[in-house]
Amino acid sequence: MAKAKIKPLLPSLREKKRYLVYEAISRNGFNDALHVNKAILESAKELLGNIGMARAGIITMSDQWNTDMQRGIIRVNNRHVDDLKASLVFAGSIDGKEAIVRSVGASGILKKAKQKYLYTAK
């Protein structure tokens, strides 16, 4: 019996994504995005719940971290960018240190998010 080939989704039916650039402000800097991303995911889960997290499709990108500027990138569904921004407010402490996480900007293309927000001061 021949294997049936699965048709790919049309571009109009695919979920659109946005890349949100965030900045961690703290007295002590962070060497990597591991603890920052963990705090962001916990605060998003607290605000949105499990179902909301699944719908938002939040994916942290630990390899996209600028240590000098303390900025990183998170991928999210375009309909849930505001929900993610709201959850950043509740990430009050990171790895036991007081910190503020704020949104710097969002883009639909990873390359543009890196160029415009990750490596340039605003």
PDB file of N, CA and C in Angstrom:
ATOM      1  N   MET A   1       0.839  -1.166   0.000  1.00  0.00           N
ATOM      2  CA  MET A   1       0.000   0.000   0.000  1.00  0.00           C
ATOM      3  C   MET A   1       0.895   1.245   0.000  1.00  0.00           C
ATOM      4  N   ALA A   2       0.620   2.161  -0.879  1.00  0.00           N
ATOM      5  CA  ALA A   2       1.429   3.379  -1.020  1.00  0.00           C
ATOM      6  C   ALA A   2       1.112   4.352   0.119  1.00  0.00           C
ATOM      7  N   LYS A   3       2.160   5.030   0.576  1.00  0.00           N
ATOM      8  CA  LYS A   3       1.989   6.020   1.632  1.00  0.00           C
ATOM      9  C   LYS A   3       1.386   7.289   1.057  1.00  0.00           C
ATOM     10  N   ALA A   4       0.375   7.806   1.734  1.00  0.00           N
ATOM     11  CA  ALA A   4      -0.257   9.050   1.300  1.00  0.00           C
ATOM     12  C   ALA A   4       0.602  10.224   1.758  1.00  0.00           C
ATOM     13  N   LYS A   5       0.838  11.159   0.856  1.00  0.00           N
ATOM     14  CA  LYS A   5       1.637  12.325   1.180  1.00  0.00           C
ATOM     15  C   LYS A   5       0.733  13.398   1.779  1.00  0.00           C
ATOM     16  N   ILE A   6       1.168  13.978   2.888  1.00  0.00           N
ATOM     17  CA  ILE A   6       0.384  15.012   3.555  1.00  0.00           C
ATOM     18  C   ILE A   6       0.611  16.345   2.859  1.00  0.00           C
ATOM     19  N   LYS A   7      -0.491  17.019   2.562  1.00  0.00           N
ATOM     20  CA  LYS A   7      -0.390  18.326   1.923  1.00  0.00           C
ATOM     21  C   LYS A   7       0.041  19.363   2.943  1.00  0.00           C
ATOM     22  N   PRO A   8       0.947  20.270   2.567  1.00  0.00           N
ATOM     23  CA  PRO A   8       1.332  21.335   3.497  1.00  0.00           C
ATOM     24  C   PRO A   8       0.216  22.376   3.623  1.00  0.00           C
ATOM     25  N   LEU A   9       0.202  23.082   4.753  1.00  0.00           N
ATOM     26  CA  LEU A   9      -0.794  24.132   4.958  1.00  0.00           C
ATOM     27  C   LEU A   9      -0.537  25.304   4.021  1.00  0.00           C
ATOM     28  N   LEU A  10      -1.593  25.904   3.566  1.00  0.00           N
ATOM     29  CA  LEU A  10      -1.475  27.107   2.762  1.00  0.00           C
ATOM     30  C   LEU A  10      -0.939  28.236   3.643  1.00  0.00           C
ATOM     31  N   PRO A  11      -0.189  29.174   3.079  1.00  0.00           N
ATOM     32  CA  PRO A  11       0.340  30.274   3.881  1.00  0.00           C
ATOM     33  C   PRO A  11      -0.736  31.071   4.619  1.00  0.00           C
ATOM     34  N   SER A  12      -1.910  31.185   4.039  1.00  0.00           N
ATOM     35  CA  SER A  12      -2.983  31.947   4.680  1.00  0.00           C
ATOM     36  C   SER A  12      -3.557  31.221   5.906  1.00  0.00           C
ATOM     37  N   LEU A  13      -3.328  29.916   6.016  1.00  0.00           N
ATOM     38  CA  LEU A  13      -3.848  29.142   7.142  1.00  0.00           C
ATOM     39  C   LEU A  13      -2.815  28.932   8.249  1.00  0.00           C
ATOM     40  N   ARG A  14      -1.561  29.254   7.974  1.00  0.00           N
ATOM     41  CA  ARG A  14      -0.513  29.073   8.986  1.00  0.00           C
ATOM     42  C   ARG A  14      -0.628  30.134  10.066  1.00  0.00           C
ATOM     43  N   GLU A  15      -0.170  29.775  11.265  1.00  0.00           N
ATOM     44  CA  GLU A  15      -0.138  30.751  12.347  1.00  0.00           C
ATOM     45  C   GLU A  15       0.993  31.735  12.097  1.00  0.00           C
ATOM     46  N   LYS A  16       0.691  33.007  12.264  1.00  0.00           N
ATOM     47  CA  LYS A  16       1.720  34.022  12.089  1.00  0.00           C
ATOM     48  C   LYS A  16       2.463  34.197  13.400  1.00  0.00           C
ATOM     49  N   LYS A  17       3.739  34.555  13.314  1.00  0.00           N
ATOM     50  CA  LYS A  17       4.532  34.697  14.524  1.00  0.00           C
ATOM     51  C   LYS A  17       5.156  36.080  14.589  1.00  0.00           C
ATOM     52  N   ARG A  18       5.491  36.488  15.792  1.00  0.00           N
ATOM     53  CA  ARG A  18       6.191  37.742  16.032  1.00  0.00           C
ATOM     54  C   ARG A  18       7.372  37.441  16.934  1.00  0.00           C
ATOM     55  N   TYR A  19       8.401  38.231  16.796  1.00  0.00           N
ATOM     56  CA  TYR A  19       9.583  38.101  17.637  1.00  0.00           C
ATOM     57  C   TYR A  19       9.621  39.310  18.553  1.00  0.00           C
ATOM     58  N   LEU A  20       9.449  39.074  19.852  1.00  0.00           N
ATOM     59  CA  LEU A  20       9.425  40.138  20.842  1.00  0.00           C
ATOM     60  C   LEU A  20      10.797  40.240  21.494  1.00  0.00           C
ATOM     61  N   VAL A  21      11.385  41.421  21.423  1.00  0.00           N
ATOM     62  CA  VAL A  21      12.683  41.666  22.050  1.00  0.00           C
ATOM     63  C   VAL A  21      12.417  42.265  23.426  1.00  0.00           C
ATOM     64  N   TYR A  22      13.031  41.684  24.452  1.00  0.00           N
ATOM     65  CA  TYR A  22      12.845  42.144  25.819  1.00  0.00           C
ATOM     66  C   TYR A  22      14.194  42.520  26.421  1.00  0.00           C
ATOM     67  N   GLU A  23      14.132  43.305  27.488  1.00  0.00           N
ATOM     68  CA  GLU A  23      15.335  43.743  28.181  1.00  0.00           C
ATOM     69  C   GLU A  23      15.170  43.451  29.668  1.00  0.00           C
ATOM     70  N   ALA A  24      16.187  42.834  30.278  1.00  0.00           N
ATOM     71  CA  ALA A  24      16.185  42.549  31.709  1.00  0.00           C
ATOM     72  C   ALA A  24      17.003  43.619  32.411  1.00  0.00           C
ATOM     73  N   ILE A  25      16.360  44.384  33.271  1.00  0.00           N
ATOM     74  CA  ILE A  25      17.027  45.462  33.988  1.00  0.00           C
ATOM     75  C   ILE A  25      17.220  45.010  35.433  1.00  0.00           C
ATOM     76  N   SER A  26      18.485  44.943  35.865  1.00  0.00           N
ATOM     77  CA  SER A  26      18.810  44.495  37.210  1.00  0.00           C
ATOM     78  C   SER A  26      20.141  45.098  37.635  1.00  0.00           C
ATOM     79  N   ARG A  27      20.360  45.154  38.946  1.00  0.00           N
ATOM     80  CA  ARG A  27      21.655  45.642  39.428  1.00  0.00           C
ATOM     81  C   ARG A  27      22.766  44.685  39.020  1.00  0.00           C
ATOM     82  N   ASN A  28      22.458  43.401  39.040  1.00  0.00           N
ATOM     83  CA  ASN A  28      23.410  42.373  38.631  1.00  0.00           C
ATOM     84  C   ASN A  28      23.040  41.915  37.224  1.00  0.00           C
ATOM     85  N   GLY A  29      23.997  41.823  36.347  1.00  0.00           N
ATOM     86  CA  GLY A  29      23.729  41.368  34.983  1.00  0.00           C
ATOM     87  C   GLY A  29      23.570  39.857  34.936  1.00  0.00           C
ATOM     88  N   PHE A  30      23.035  39.376  33.855  1.00  0.00           N
ATOM     89  CA  PHE A  30      22.858  37.944  33.644  1.00  0.00           C
ATOM     90  C   PHE A  30      23.759  37.508  32.498  1.00  0.00           C
ATOM     91  N   ASN A  31      24.466  36.391  32.686  1.00  0.00           N
ATOM     92  CA  ASN A  31      25.395  35.905  31.669  1.00  0.00           C
ATOM     93  C   ASN A  31      24.686  35.246  30.495  1.00  0.00           C
ATOM     94  N   ASP A  32      23.561  34.603  30.773  1.00  0.00           N
ATOM     95  CA  ASP A  32      22.819  33.947  29.696  1.00  0.00           C
ATOM     96  C   ASP A  32      21.322  34.143  29.919  1.00  0.00           C
ATOM     97  N   ALA A  33      20.551  33.737  28.940  1.00  0.00           N
ATOM     98  CA  ALA A  33      19.110  33.967  28.969  1.00  0.00           C
ATOM     99  C   ALA A  33      18.352  32.878  29.712  1.00  0.00           C
ATOM    100  N   LEU A  34      19.034  31.867  30.221  1.00  0.00           N
ATOM    101  CA  LEU A  34      18.370  30.711  30.827  1.00  0.00           C
ATOM    102  C   LEU A  34      17.454  31.124  31.982  1.00  0.00           C
ATOM    103  N   HIS A  35      17.977  31.837  32.960  1.00  0.00           N
ATOM    104  CA  HIS A  35      17.180  32.204  34.130  1.00  0.00           C
ATOM    105  C   HIS A  35      16.137  33.262  33.790  1.00  0.00           C
ATOM    106  N   VAL A  36      16.476  34.159  32.881  1.00  0.00           N
ATOM    107  CA  VAL A  36      15.533  35.203  32.475  1.00  0.00           C
ATOM    108  C   VAL A  36      14.343  34.583  31.750  1.00  0.00           C
ATOM    109  N   ASN A  37      14.625  33.690  30.813  1.00  0.00           N
ATOM    110  CA  ASN A  37      13.550  33.027  30.071  1.00  0.00           C
ATOM    111  C   ASN A  37      12.672  32.188  30.992  1.00  0.00           C
ATOM    112  N   LYS A  38      13.282  31.545  31.980  1.00  0.00           N
ATOM    113  CA  LYS A  38      12.520  30.731  32.929  1.00  0.00           C
ATOM    114  C   LYS A  38      11.547  31.602  33.713  1.00  0.00           C
ATOM    115  N   ALA A  39      12.013  32.772  34.163  1.00  0.00           N
ATOM    116  CA  ALA A  39      11.155  33.692  34.908  1.00  0.00           C
ATOM    117  C   ALA A  39      10.021  34.220  34.027  1.00  0.00           C
ATOM    118  N   ILE A  40      10.325  34.503  32.765  1.00  0.00           N
ATOM    119  CA  ILE A  40       9.294  35.002  31.842  1.00  0.00           C
ATOM    120  C   ILE A  40       8.241  33.929  31.590  1.00  0.00           C
ATOM    121  N   LEU A  41       8.674  32.692  31.377  1.00  0.00           N
ATOM    122  CA  LEU A  41       7.722  31.605  31.136  1.00  0.00           C
ATOM    123  C   LEU A  41       6.852  31.347  32.362  1.00  0.00           C
ATOM    124  N   GLU A  42       7.426  31.422  33.553  1.00  0.00           N
ATOM    125  CA  GLU A  42       6.640  31.225  34.772  1.00  0.00           C
ATOM    126  C   GLU A  42       5.596  32.318  34.945  1.00  0.00           C
ATOM    127  N   SER A  43       5.975  33.559  34.669  1.00  0.00           N
ATOM    128  CA  SER A  43       5.009  34.651  34.807  1.00  0.00           C
ATOM    129  C   SER A  43       3.923  34.563  33.738  1.00  0.00           C
ATOM    130  N   ALA A  44       4.289  34.131  32.528  1.00  0.00           N
ATOM    131  CA  ALA A  44       3.292  33.964  31.462  1.00  0.00           C
ATOM    132  C   ALA A  44       2.324  32.837  31.814  1.00  0.00           C
ATOM    133  N   LYS A  45       2.844  31.761  32.395  1.00  0.00           N
ATOM    134  CA  LYS A  45       1.984  30.641  32.787  1.00  0.00           C
ATOM    135  C   LYS A  45       1.039  31.060  33.906  1.00  0.00           C
ATOM    136  N   GLU A  46       1.544  31.899  34.811  1.00  0.00           N
ATOM    137  CA  GLU A  46       0.718  32.390  35.910  1.00  0.00           C
ATOM    138  C   GLU A  46      -0.417  33.263  35.393  1.00  0.00           C
ATOM    139  N   LEU A  47      -0.135  34.091  34.409  1.00  0.00           N
ATOM    140  CA  LEU A  47      -1.148  35.005  33.872  1.00  0.00           C
ATOM    141  C   LEU A  47      -2.093  34.315  32.888  1.00  0.00           C
ATOM    142  N   LEU A  48      -1.535  33.537  31.960  1.00  0.00           N
ATOM    143  CA  LEU A  48      -2.332  32.960  30.871  1.00  0.00           C
ATOM    144  C   LEU A  48      -2.879  31.568  31.170  1.00  0.00           C
ATOM    145  N   GLY A  49      -2.184  30.810  32.017  1.00  0.00           N
ATOM    146  CA  GLY A  49      -2.573  29.430  32.275  1.00  0.00           C
ATOM    147  C   GLY A  49      -2.006  28.506  31.208  1.00  0.00           C
ATOM    148  N   ASN A  50      -2.237  27.225  31.364  1.00  0.00           N
ATOM    149  CA  ASN A  50      -1.694  26.240  30.426  1.00  0.00           C
ATOM    150  C   ASN A  50      -2.287  26.371  29.032  1.00  0.00           C
ATOM    151  N   ILE A  51      -3.584  26.563  28.954  1.00  0.00           N
ATOM    152  CA  ILE A  51      -4.244  26.660  27.649  1.00  0.00           C
ATOM    153  C   ILE A  51      -3.824  27.940  26.938  1.00  0.00           C
ATOM    154  N   GLY A  52      -3.742  29.029  27.673  1.00  0.00           N
ATOM    155  CA  GLY A  52      -3.311  30.295  27.091  1.00  0.00           C
ATOM    156  C   GLY A  52      -1.883  30.232  26.582  1.00  0.00           C
ATOM    157  N   MET A  53      -1.021  29.523  27.325  1.00  0.00           N
ATOM    158  CA  MET A  53       0.369  29.341  26.884  1.00  0.00           C
ATOM    159  C   MET A  53       0.414  28.536  25.587  1.00  0.00           C
ATOM    160  N   ALA A  54      -0.415  27.523  25.495  1.00  0.00           N
ATOM    161  CA  ALA A  54      -0.444  26.701  24.285  1.00  0.00           C
ATOM    162  C   ALA A  54      -0.944  27.499  23.088  1.00  0.00           C
ATOM    163  N   ARG A  55      -1.962  28.304  23.300  1.00  0.00           N
ATOM    164  CA  ARG A  55      -2.489  29.126  22.208  1.00  0.00           C
ATOM    165  C   ARG A  55      -1.501  30.206  21.776  1.00  0.00           C
ATOM    166  N   ALA A  56      -0.780  30.769  22.750  1.00  0.00           N
ATOM    167  CA  ALA A  56       0.178  31.835  22.448  1.00  0.00           C
ATOM    168  C   ALA A  56       1.403  31.291  21.727  1.00  0.00           C
ATOM    169  N   GLY A  57       1.728  30.033  21.934  1.00  0.00           N
ATOM    170  CA  GLY A  57       2.876  29.427  21.255  1.00  0.00           C
ATOM    171  C   GLY A  57       4.184  30.110  21.612  1.00  0.00           C
ATOM    172  N   ILE A  58       4.383  30.400  22.885  1.00  0.00           N
ATOM    173  CA  ILE A  58       5.573  31.119  23.327  1.00  0.00           C
ATOM    174  C   ILE A  58       6.782  30.192  23.275  1.00  0.00           C
ATOM    175  N   ILE A  59       7.806  30.625  22.555  1.00  0.00           N
ATOM    176  CA  ILE A  59       9.061  29.876  22.456  1.00  0.00           C
ATOM    177  C   ILE A  59      10.199  30.833  22.776  1.00  0.00           C
ATOM    178  N   THR A  60      10.956  30.499  23.824  1.00  0.00           N
ATOM    179  CA  THR A  60      12.099  31.326  24.185  1.00  0.00           C
ATOM    180  C   THR A  60      13.280  30.940  23.309  1.00  0.00           C
ATOM    181  N   MET A  61      14.037  31.921  22.914  1.00  0.00           N
ATOM    182  CA  MET A  61      15.184  31.682  22.040  1.00  0.00           C
ATOM    183  C   MET A  61      16.454  31.993  22.848  1.00  0.00           C
ATOM    184  N   SER A  62      16.954  30.981  23.548  1.00  0.00           N
ATOM    185  CA  SER A  62      18.098  31.164  24.442  1.00  0.00           C
ATOM    186  C   SER A  62      19.377  31.516  23.696  1.00  0.00           C
ATOM    187  N   ASP A  63      19.466  31.141  22.424  1.00  0.00           N
ATOM    188  CA  ASP A  63      20.673  31.462  21.654  1.00  0.00           C
ATOM    189  C   ASP A  63      20.696  32.922  21.197  1.00  0.00           C
ATOM    190  N   GLN A  64      19.576  33.625  21.304  1.00  0.00           N
ATOM    191  CA  GLN A  64      19.498  35.031  20.918  1.00  0.00           C
ATOM    192  C   GLN A  64      19.568  35.895  22.176  1.00  0.00           C
ATOM    193  N   TRP A  65      20.743  36.022  22.758  1.00  0.00           N
ATOM    194  CA  TRP A  65      20.919  36.800  23.984  1.00  0.00           C
ATOM    195  C   TRP A  65      22.106  37.730  23.834  1.00  0.00           C
ATOM    196  N   ASN A  66      21.902  39.003  24.114  1.00  0.00           N
ATOM    197  CA  ASN A  66      22.960  39.998  24.077  1.00  0.00           C
ATOM    198  C   ASN A  66      23.344  40.310  25.523  1.00  0.00           C
ATOM    199  N   THR A  67      24.497  39.813  25.963  1.00  0.00           N
ATOM    200  CA  THR A  67      24.930  39.977  27.342  1.00  0.00           C
ATOM    201  C   THR A  67      25.220  41.434  27.673  1.00  0.00           C
ATOM    202  N   ASP A  68      25.780  42.180  26.737  1.00  0.00           N
ATOM    203  CA  ASP A  68      26.133  43.579  26.989  1.00  0.00           C
ATOM    204  C   ASP A  68      24.897  44.438  27.269  1.00  0.00           C
ATOM    205  N   MET A  69      23.862  44.248  26.479  1.00  0.00           N
ATOM    206  CA  MET A  69      22.656  45.061  26.629  1.00  0.00           C
ATOM    207  C   MET A  69      21.574  44.369  27.445  1.00  0.00           C
ATOM    208  N   GLN A  70      21.810  43.117  27.839  1.00  0.00           N
ATOM    209  CA  GLN A  70      20.852  42.324  28.617  1.00  0.00           C
ATOM    210  C   GLN A  70      19.505  42.212  27.887  1.00  0.00           C
ATOM    211  N   ARG A  71      19.581  41.865  26.597  1.00  0.00           N
ATOM    212  CA  ARG A  71      18.371  41.722  25.785  1.00  0.00           C
ATOM    213  C   ARG A  71      18.286  40.329  25.177  1.00  0.00           C
ATOM    214  N   GLY A  72      17.061  39.879  24.974  1.00  0.00           N
ATOM    215  CA  GLY A  72      16.822  38.584  24.364  1.00  0.00           C
ATOM    216  C   GLY A  72      15.575  38.627  23.499  1.00  0.00           C
ATOM    217  N   ILE A  73      15.276  37.480  22.855  1.00  0.00           N
ATOM    218  CA  ILE A  73      14.146  37.406  21.924  1.00  0.00           C
ATOM    219  C   ILE A  73      13.255  36.219  22.289  1.00  0.00           C
ATOM    220  N   ILE A  74      11.946  36.442  22.196  1.00  0.00           N
ATOM    221  CA  ILE A  74      10.947  35.390  22.398  1.00  0.00           C
ATOM    222  C   ILE A  74      10.033  35.370  21.183  1.00  0.00           C
ATOM    223  N   ARG A  75       9.727  34.166  20.690  1.00  0.00           N
ATOM    224  CA  ARG A  75       8.787  34.032  19.577  1.00  0.00           C
ATOM    225  C   ARG A  75       7.395  33.780  20.138  1.00  0.00           C
ATOM    226  N   VAL A  76       6.398  34.437  19.559  1.00  0.00           N
ATOM    227  CA  VAL A  76       5.018  34.327  20.039  1.00  0.00           C
ATOM    228  C   VAL A  76       4.058  34.470  18.861  1.00  0.00           C
ATOM    229  N   ASN A  77       2.868  33.944  19.004  1.00  0.00           N
ATOM    230  CA  ASN A  77       1.824  34.084  17.998  1.00  0.00           C
ATOM    231  C   ASN A  77       1.423  35.554  17.909  1.00  0.00           C
ATOM    232  N   ASN A  78       1.126  36.038  16.715  1.00  0.00           N
ATOM    233  CA  ASN A  78       0.850  37.466  16.524  1.00  0.00           C
ATOM    234  C   ASN A  78      -0.376  37.950  17.290  1.00  0.00           C
ATOM    235  N   ARG A  79      -1.305  37.071  17.606  1.00  0.00           N
ATOM    236  CA  ARG A  79      -2.508  37.478  18.333  1.00  0.00           C
ATOM    237  C   ARG A  79      -2.262  37.595  19.837  1.00  0.00           C
ATOM    238  N   HIS A  80      -1.139  37.097  20.309  1.00  0.00           N
ATOM    239  CA  HIS A  80      -0.887  37.050  21.754  1.00  0.00           C
ATOM    240  C   HIS A  80       0.324  37.875  22.176  1.00  0.00           C
ATOM    241  N   VAL A  81       0.757  38.806  21.337  1.00  0.00           N
ATOM    242  CA  VAL A  81       1.905  39.652  21.676  1.00  0.00           C
ATOM    243  C   VAL A  81       1.581  40.506  22.901  1.00  0.00           C
ATOM    244  N   ASP A  82       0.384  41.068  22.957  1.00  0.00           N
ATOM    245  CA  ASP A  82       0.001  41.909  24.097  1.00  0.00           C
ATOM    246  C   ASP A  82      -0.083  41.100  25.390  1.00  0.00           C
ATOM    247  N   ASP A  83      -0.532  39.848  25.294  1.00  0.00           N
ATOM    248  CA  ASP A  83      -0.584  38.983  26.476  1.00  0.00           C
ATOM    249  C   ASP A  83       0.822  38.723  27.021  1.00  0.00           C
ATOM    250  N   LEU A  84       1.766  38.495  26.115  1.00  0.00           N
ATOM    251  CA  LEU A  84       3.144  38.264  26.534  1.00  0.00           C
ATOM    252  C   LEU A  84       3.737  39.525  27.155  1.00  0.00           C
ATOM    253  N   LYS A  85       3.458  40.678  26.558  1.00  0.00           N
ATOM    254  CA  LYS A  85       3.948  41.943  27.115  1.00  0.00           C
ATOM    255  C   LYS A  85       3.392  42.162  28.521  1.00  0.00           C
ATOM    256  N   ALA A  86       2.125  41.827  28.713  1.00  0.00           N
ATOM    257  CA  ALA A  86       1.508  41.979  30.033  1.00  0.00           C
ATOM    258  C   ALA A  86       2.147  41.035  31.047  1.00  0.00           C
ATOM    259  N   SER A  87       2.507  39.843  30.628  1.00  0.00           N
ATOM    260  CA  SER A  87       3.096  38.886  31.563  1.00  0.00           C
ATOM    261  C   SER A  87       4.524  39.265  31.947  1.00  0.00           C
ATOM    262  N   LEU A  88       5.202  40.070  31.132  1.00  0.00           N
ATOM    263  CA  LEU A  88       6.553  40.512  31.470  1.00  0.00           C
ATOM    264  C   LEU A  88       6.558  41.348  32.749  1.00  0.00           C
ATOM    265  N   VAL A  89       5.458  42.041  33.018  1.00  0.00           N
ATOM    266  CA  VAL A  89       5.354  42.879  34.202  1.00  0.00           C
ATOM    267  C   VAL A  89       5.467  42.043  35.480  1.00  0.00           C
ATOM    268  N   PHE A  90       4.954  40.806  35.437  1.00  0.00           N
ATOM    269  CA  PHE A  90       4.907  39.967  36.629  1.00  0.00           C
ATOM    270  C   PHE A  90       6.200  39.193  36.886  1.00  0.00           C
ATOM    271  N   ALA A  91       7.180  39.313  36.014  1.00  0.00           N
ATOM    272  CA  ALA A  91       8.479  38.665  36.240  1.00  0.00           C
ATOM    273  C   ALA A  91       9.308  39.594  37.122  1.00  0.00           C
ATOM    274  N   GLY A  92       9.000  39.618  38.422  1.00  0.00           N
ATOM    275  CA  GLY A  92       9.621  40.561  39.344  1.00  0.00           C
ATOM    276  C   GLY A  92      11.001  40.160  39.813  1.00  0.00           C
ATOM    277  N   SER A  93      11.246  38.858  39.933  1.00  0.00           N
ATOM    278  CA  SER A  93      12.581  38.432  40.368  1.00  0.00           C
ATOM    279  C   SER A  93      13.079  37.341  39.433  1.00  0.00           C
ATOM    280  N   ILE A  94      14.367  37.421  39.135  1.00  0.00           N
ATOM    281  CA  ILE A  94      15.005  36.457  38.246  1.00  0.00           C
ATOM    282  C   ILE A  94      16.153  35.832  39.004  1.00  0.00           C
ATOM    283  N   ASP A  95      16.073  34.523  39.197  1.00  0.00           N
ATOM    284  CA  ASP A  95      17.129  33.780  39.894  1.00  0.00           C
ATOM    285  C   ASP A  95      17.382  34.371  41.287  1.00  0.00           C
ATOM    286  N   GLY A  96      16.308  34.782  41.970  1.00  0.00           N
ATOM    287  CA  GLY A  96      16.419  35.322  43.311  1.00  0.00           C
ATOM    288  C   GLY A  96      16.867  36.768  43.378  1.00  0.00           C
ATOM    289  N   LYS A  97      17.062  37.416  42.249  1.00  0.00           N
ATOM    290  CA  LYS A  97      17.494  38.813  42.215  1.00  0.00           C
ATOM    291  C   LYS A  97      16.332  39.668  41.711  1.00  0.00           C
ATOM    292  N   GLU A  98      16.157  40.838  42.318  1.00  0.00           N
ATOM    293  CA  GLU A  98      15.109  41.736  41.851  1.00  0.00           C
ATOM    294  C   GLU A  98      15.449  42.236  40.455  1.00  0.00           C
ATOM    295  N   ALA A  99      14.454  42.237  39.586  1.00  0.00           N
ATOM    296  CA  ALA A  99      14.683  42.659  38.204  1.00  0.00           C
ATOM    297  C   ALA A  99      13.381  43.156  37.594  1.00  0.00           C
ATOM    298  N   ILE A 100      13.533  43.905  36.540  1.00  0.00           N
ATOM    299  CA  ILE A 100      12.401  44.374  35.738  1.00  0.00           C
ATOM    300  C   ILE A 100      12.632  43.868  34.323  1.00  0.00           C
ATOM    301  N   VAL A 101      11.605  43.300  33.740  1.00  0.00           N
ATOM    302  CA  VAL A 101      11.685  42.855  32.344  1.00  0.00           C
ATOM    303  C   VAL A 101      10.727  43.724  31.550  1.00  0.00           C
ATOM    304  N   ARG A 102      11.256  44.369  30.516  1.00  0.00           N
ATOM    305  CA  ARG A 102      10.402  45.242  29.712  1.00  0.00           C
ATOM    306  C   ARG A 102      10.541  44.891  28.241  1.00  0.00           C
ATOM    307  N   SER A 103       9.497  45.192  27.507  1.00  0.00           N
ATOM    308  CA  SER A 103       9.486  44.956  26.070  1.00  0.00           C
ATOM    309  C   SER A 103      10.205  46.100  25.370  1.00  0.00           C
ATOM    310  N   VAL A 104      11.073  45.759  24.426  1.00  0.00           N
ATOM    311  CA  VAL A 104      11.801  46.773  23.663  1.00  0.00           C
ATOM    312  C   VAL A 104      11.135  46.989  22.315  1.00  0.00           C
ATOM    313  N   GLY A 105      10.707  45.906  21.671  1.00  0.00           N
ATOM    314  CA  GLY A 105      10.054  46.021  20.367  1.00  0.00           C
ATOM    315  C   GLY A 105       9.670  44.656  19.846  1.00  0.00           C
ATOM    316  N   ALA A 106       8.896  44.646  18.776  1.00  0.00           N
ATOM    317  CA  ALA A 106       8.462  43.398  18.160  1.00  0.00           C
ATOM    318  C   ALA A 106       8.605  43.503  16.654  1.00  0.00           C
ATOM    319  N   SER A 107       8.849  42.351  16.026  1.00  0.00           N
ATOM    320  CA  SER A 107       9.000  42.317  14.580  1.00  0.00           C
ATOM    321  C   SER A 107       8.486  40.973  14.067  1.00  0.00           C
ATOM    322  N   GLY A 108       8.118  40.936  12.808  1.00  0.00           N
ATOM    323  CA  GLY A 108       7.658  39.705  12.196  1.00  0.00           C
ATOM    324  C   GLY A 108       8.790  38.881  11.616  1.00  0.00           C
ATOM    325  N   ILE A 109       9.987  39.457  11.563  1.00  0.00           N
ATOM    326  CA  ILE A 109      11.142  38.786  10.976  1.00  0.00           C
ATOM    327  C   ILE A 109      12.267  38.773  11.999  1.00  0.00           C
ATOM    328  N   LEU A 110      12.859  37.612  12.230  1.00  0.00           N
ATOM    329  CA  LEU A 110      13.909  37.468  13.228  1.00  0.00           C
ATOM    330  C   LEU A 110      15.109  38.349  12.910  1.00  0.00           C
ATOM    331  N   LYS A 111      15.492  38.409  11.640  1.00  0.00           N
ATOM    332  CA  LYS A 111      16.656  39.197  11.246  1.00  0.00           C
ATOM    333  C   LYS A 111      16.456  40.682  11.579  1.00  0.00           C
ATOM    334  N   LYS A 112      15.266  41.194  11.309  1.00  0.00           N
ATOM    335  CA  LYS A 112      14.977  42.595  11.590  1.00  0.00           C
ATOM    336  C   LYS A 112      14.918  42.855  13.097  1.00  0.00           C
ATOM    337  N   ALA A 113      14.389  41.910  13.849  1.00  0.00           N
ATOM    338  CA  ALA A 113      14.347  42.061  15.306  1.00  0.00           C
ATOM    339  C   ALA A 113      15.754  42.135  15.874  1.00  0.00           C
ATOM    340  N   LYS A 114      16.658  41.319  15.344  1.00  0.00           N
ATOM    341  CA  LYS A 114      18.051  41.345  15.804  1.00  0.00           C
ATOM    342  C   LYS A 114      18.717  42.668  15.444  1.00  0.00           C
ATOM    343  N   GLN A 115      18.565  43.097  14.195  1.00  0.00           N
ATOM    344  CA  GLN A 115      19.216  44.317  13.729  1.00  0.00           C
ATOM    345  C   GLN A 115      18.685  45.552  14.444  1.00  0.00           C
ATOM    346  N   LYS A 116      17.379  45.661  14.550  1.00  0.00           N
ATOM    347  CA  LYS A 116      16.757  46.889  15.020  1.00  0.00           C
ATOM    348  C   LYS A 116      16.757  47.025  16.540  1.00  0.00           C
ATOM    349  N   TYR A 117      16.570  45.913  17.260  1.00  0.00           N
ATOM    350  CA  TYR A 117      16.361  46.008  18.699  1.00  0.00           C
ATOM    351  C   TYR A 117      17.423  45.338  19.555  1.00  0.00           C
ATOM    352  N   LEU A 118      17.968  44.220  19.090  1.00  0.00           N
ATOM    353  CA  LEU A 118      18.847  43.422  19.953  1.00  0.00           C
ATOM    354  C   LEU A 118      20.217  44.045  20.141  1.00  0.00           C
ATOM    355  N   TYR A 119      20.732  44.713  19.112  1.00  0.00           N
ATOM    356  CA  TYR A 119      22.095  45.224  19.177  1.00  0.00           C
ATOM    357  C   TYR A 119      22.215  46.736  19.150  1.00  0.00           C
ATOM    358  N   THR A 120      21.079  47.444  19.123  1.00  0.00           N
ATOM    359  CA  THR A 120      21.148  48.894  19.085  1.00  0.00           C
ATOM    360  C   THR A 120      20.358  49.459  20.270  1.00  0.00           C
ATOM    361  N   ALA A 121      20.895  50.504  20.877  1.00  0.00           N
ATOM    362  CA  ALA A 121      20.208  51.141  21.997  1.00  0.00           C
ATOM    363  C   ALA A 121      19.106  52.031  21.475  1.00  0.00           C
ATOM    364  N   LYS A 122      18.040  52.111  22.247  1.00  0.00           N
ATOM    365  CA  LYS A 122      16.908  52.936  21.837  1.00  0.00           C
ATOM    366  C   LYS A 122      16.669  54.029  22.795  1.00  0.00           C
TER     367      LYS A 122
END
